[in-house]
Amino acid sequence: MIVNGLIVAMAGSTGQQGGAVARRLVADGWTVRALTRDPTSPGARALADAGADVRAVDRPTPLR
């Protein structure tokens, strides 16, 4: 279900604080796009199993 037609994209969604927020949003019916460097990590897999859309991202190159 997409609440109000919005998708929440979350960085840090596999960490302790971000993971808690992501799990709560998924449980409340929000569409969560979880951004992580490793979509095969236990935290990312748990979010995917809960219904989040897990996507692999990489760190940006620092500006010089």
C-alpha atoms as a PDB file:
ATOM      1  CA  MET A   1       0.000   0.000   0.000  1.00  0.00           C
ATOM      2  CA  ILE A   2       1.262   3.478  -0.779  1.00  0.00           C
ATOM      3  CA  VAL A   3       0.174   5.939   1.917  1.00  0.00           C
ATOM      4  CA  ASN A   4      -0.894   9.238   0.359  1.00  0.00           C
ATOM      5  CA  GLY A   5       0.837   8.158  -2.862  1.00  0.00           C
ATOM      6  CA  LEU A   6       4.279   8.657  -1.302  1.00  0.00           C
ATOM      7  CA  ILE A   7       7.325   6.446  -1.191  1.00  0.00           C
ATOM      8  CA  VAL A   8       9.811   7.011   1.622  1.00  0.00           C
ATOM      9  CA  ALA A   9      13.450   6.522   0.580  1.00  0.00           C
ATOM     10  CA  MET A  10      15.647   5.872   3.596  1.00  0.00           C
ATOM     11  CA  ALA A  11      19.414   5.914   3.913  1.00  0.00           C
ATOM     12  CA  GLY A  12      20.704   4.151   6.998  1.00  0.00           C
ATOM     13  CA  SER A  13      17.702   1.849   7.059  1.00  0.00           C
ATOM     14  CA  THR A  14      19.713  -1.186   8.159  1.00  0.00           C
ATOM     15  CA  GLY A  15      21.237   0.490  11.212  1.00  0.00           C
ATOM     16  CA  GLN A  16      19.722   0.485  14.687  1.00  0.00           C
ATOM     17  CA  GLN A  17      17.852   3.792  14.578  1.00  0.00           C
ATOM     18  CA  GLY A  18      17.078   3.833  10.860  1.00  0.00           C
ATOM     19  CA  GLY A  19      16.059   0.195  10.978  1.00  0.00           C
ATOM     20  CA  ALA A  20      13.594   0.875  13.768  1.00  0.00           C
ATOM     21  CA  VAL A  21      12.047   3.726  11.794  1.00  0.00           C
ATOM     22  CA  ALA A  22      11.924   1.687   8.573  1.00  0.00           C
ATOM     23  CA  ARG A  23      10.285  -1.283  10.303  1.00  0.00           C
ATOM     24  CA  ARG A  24       7.697   0.979  11.925  1.00  0.00           C
ATOM     25  CA  LEU A  25       6.860   2.707   8.643  1.00  0.00           C
ATOM     26  CA  VAL A  26       6.472  -0.642   6.859  1.00  0.00           C
ATOM     27  CA  ALA A  27       4.273  -1.914   9.691  1.00  0.00           C
ATOM     28  CA  ASP A  28       2.125   1.227   9.385  1.00  0.00           C
ATOM     29  CA  GLY A  29       1.596   0.610   5.674  1.00  0.00           C
ATOM     30  CA  TRP A  30       4.106   3.035   4.176  1.00  0.00           C
ATOM     31  CA  THR A  31       6.044   2.128   1.050  1.00  0.00           C
ATOM     32  CA  VAL A  32       9.676   2.176   2.165  1.00  0.00           C
ATOM     33  CA  ARG A  33      12.592   2.127  -0.243  1.00  0.00           C
ATOM     34  CA  ALA A  34      15.517   1.039   1.932  1.00  0.00           C
ATOM     35  CA  LEU A  35      18.865   2.228   0.568  1.00  0.00           C
ATOM     36  CA  THR A  36      21.847   0.105   1.591  1.00  0.00           C
ATOM     37  CA  ARG A  37      25.342  -0.720   0.389  1.00  0.00           C
ATOM     38  CA  ASP A  38      24.760  -4.451   0.915  1.00  0.00           C
ATOM     39  CA  PRO A  39      21.266  -5.735   0.104  1.00  0.00           C
ATOM     40  CA  THR A  40      22.355  -9.233   1.162  1.00  0.00           C
ATOM     41  CA  SER A  41      23.106  -8.189   4.767  1.00  0.00           C
ATOM     42  CA  PRO A  42      20.890  -9.651   7.493  1.00  0.00           C
ATOM     43  CA  GLY A  43      19.315  -6.258   8.222  1.00  0.00           C
ATOM     44  CA  ALA A  44      18.519  -5.601   4.561  1.00  0.00           C
ATOM     45  CA  ARG A  45      17.080  -9.072   4.098  1.00  0.00           C
ATOM     46  CA  ALA A  46      14.900  -8.662   7.198  1.00  0.00           C
ATOM     47  CA  LEU A  47      13.553  -5.378   5.818  1.00  0.00           C
ATOM     48  CA  ALA A  48      12.842  -6.990   2.458  1.00  0.00           C
ATOM     49  CA  ASP A  49      11.032  -9.845   4.214  1.00  0.00           C
ATOM     50  CA  ALA A  50       8.976  -7.255   6.104  1.00  0.00           C
ATOM     51  CA  GLY A  51       7.929  -5.629   2.821  1.00  0.00           C
ATOM     52  CA  ALA A  52      10.465  -2.869   2.180  1.00  0.00           C
ATOM     53  CA  ASP A  53      11.869  -2.306  -1.307  1.00  0.00           C
ATOM     54  CA  VAL A  54      15.610  -2.754  -0.682  1.00  0.00           C
ATOM     55  CA  ARG A  55      17.957  -1.078  -3.174  1.00  0.00           C
ATOM     56  CA  ALA A  56      21.742  -1.211  -3.450  1.00  0.00           C
ATOM     57  CA  VAL A  57      23.528   2.141  -3.458  1.00  0.00           C
ATOM     58  CA  ASP A  58      27.160   3.122  -3.186  1.00  0.00           C
ATOM     59  CA  ARG A  59      28.933   5.928  -1.412  1.00  0.00           C
ATOM     60  CA  PRO A  60      29.323   9.019  -3.549  1.00  0.00           C
ATOM     61  CA  THR A  61      32.759  10.096  -4.645  1.00  0.00           C
ATOM     62  CA  PRO A  62      33.924  13.014  -2.457  1.00  0.00           C
ATOM     63  CA  LEU A  63      34.006  16.400  -4.122  1.00  0.00           C
ATOM     64  CA  ARG A  64      37.468  17.849  -4.532  1.00  0.00           C
END
